[in-house]
């Protein structure tokens, strides 16, 4: 299970994909507390979802680019199977 803070359509604001539409998947939880953090709302709360449920929501959004962010996504071990599934889907 993954603890998901929110999933929504967005426009990439960073990386080589800046300006492209994407589906943003924000995971809950962070222990770093960067001073520039703009998503403190993701430190707690969220909804428990299976990897497949997250993939299904992403598929319904219809964008080929997905941004997985947080919080700190790597705190959740199930993020690795999620990323693998997204890569397998292309």
Protein backbone atom coordinates (compact mmCIF):
# COMPACT_ATOMS: atom_id res chain seq x y z
CA UNK A 1 0.00 0.00 0.00
CA UNK A 2 1.03 3.56 -0.69
CA UNK A 3 -0.06 6.56 1.32
CA UNK A 4 -1.17 9.08 -1.31
CA UNK A 5 -1.64 12.74 -0.52
CA UNK A 6 -3.09 13.69 -3.92
CA UNK A 7 -3.21 12.77 -7.60
CA UNK A 8 -4.11 15.42 -10.17
CA UNK A 9 -3.42 16.70 -13.69
CA UNK A 10 -0.67 19.32 -13.74
CA UNK A 11 1.97 21.02 -15.84
CA UNK A 12 5.56 20.01 -15.10
CA UNK A 13 7.38 22.93 -13.54
CA UNK A 14 10.88 21.45 -13.38
CA UNK A 15 13.19 19.14 -15.37
CA UNK A 16 13.42 18.66 -19.11
CA UNK A 17 9.65 18.15 -19.10
CA UNK A 18 8.91 21.74 -17.97
CA UNK A 19 5.71 22.94 -19.59
CA UNK A 20 4.43 19.46 -20.48
CA UNK A 21 1.14 18.16 -19.11
CA UNK A 22 1.51 15.36 -16.59
CA UNK A 23 -0.22 13.48 -13.84
CA UNK A 24 1.22 14.47 -10.48
CA UNK A 25 1.24 11.79 -7.79
CA UNK A 26 2.13 13.25 -4.40
CA UNK A 27 2.98 10.75 -1.69
CA UNK A 28 2.52 11.49 2.00
CA UNK A 29 5.35 11.74 4.51
CA UNK A 30 8.67 13.51 4.81
CA UNK A 31 11.42 13.65 7.40
CA UNK A 32 13.72 16.15 5.66
CA UNK A 33 11.85 19.47 6.14
CA UNK A 34 13.68 21.50 3.48
CA UNK A 35 13.42 25.24 4.09
CA UNK A 36 12.14 25.77 0.51
CA UNK A 37 9.42 23.10 0.74
CA UNK A 38 6.18 24.17 -0.95
CA UNK A 39 4.18 21.09 -0.02
CA UNK A 40 4.11 20.92 3.77
CA UNK A 41 0.52 19.72 3.44
CA UNK A 42 1.97 16.37 2.33
CA UNK A 43 3.76 15.70 5.62
CA UNK A 44 0.72 13.93 7.07
CA UNK A 45 -2.67 12.56 6.11
CA UNK A 46 -3.40 10.91 2.81
CA UNK A 47 -5.24 7.87 1.53
CA UNK A 48 -3.92 4.31 1.49
CA UNK A 49 -3.98 2.95 -2.07
CA UNK A 50 -2.62 -0.13 -3.78
CA UNK A 51 -0.07 0.28 -6.55
CA UNK A 52 -2.71 -0.89 -9.04
CA UNK A 53 -5.25 1.67 -7.79
CA UNK A 54 -2.68 4.44 -8.27
CA UNK A 55 -1.83 3.18 -11.78
CA UNK A 56 -5.54 3.07 -12.62
CA UNK A 57 -5.99 6.70 -11.53
CA UNK A 58 -2.96 7.71 -13.59
CA UNK A 59 -4.30 5.86 -16.64
CA UNK A 60 -7.65 7.65 -16.35
CA UNK A 61 -5.88 11.03 -16.41
CA UNK A 62 -4.58 10.22 -19.89
CA UNK A 63 -1.11 11.81 -19.76
CA UNK A 64 2.00 9.87 -20.73
CA UNK A 65 4.20 11.83 -18.30
CA UNK A 66 3.91 11.13 -14.57
CA UNK A 67 5.59 13.09 -11.79
CA UNK A 68 5.94 11.16 -8.52
CA UNK A 69 6.80 13.52 -5.69
CA UNK A 70 6.15 14.09 -2.02
CA UNK A 71 6.91 14.54 0.80
CA UNK A 72 9.76 12.14 0.33
CA UNK A 73 8.52 9.32 -1.93
CA UNK A 74 11.42 6.98 -1.21
CA UNK A 75 10.26 6.63 2.40
CA UNK A 76 7.54 4.33 1.06
CA UNK A 77 8.97 1.01 -0.17
CA UNK A 78 5.98 0.42 -2.46
CA UNK A 79 7.03 3.40 -4.59
CA UNK A 80 9.57 1.11 -6.31
CA UNK A 81 6.87 -1.27 -7.66
CA UNK A 82 4.82 1.79 -8.67
CA UNK A 83 7.71 3.25 -10.65
CA UNK A 84 8.46 -0.13 -12.21
CA UNK A 85 4.82 -0.48 -13.26
CA UNK A 86 4.82 3.00 -14.81
CA UNK A 87 8.01 2.25 -16.71
CA UNK A 88 6.58 -1.07 -17.92
CA UNK A 89 3.50 0.84 -19.19
CA UNK A 90 5.78 3.22 -21.10
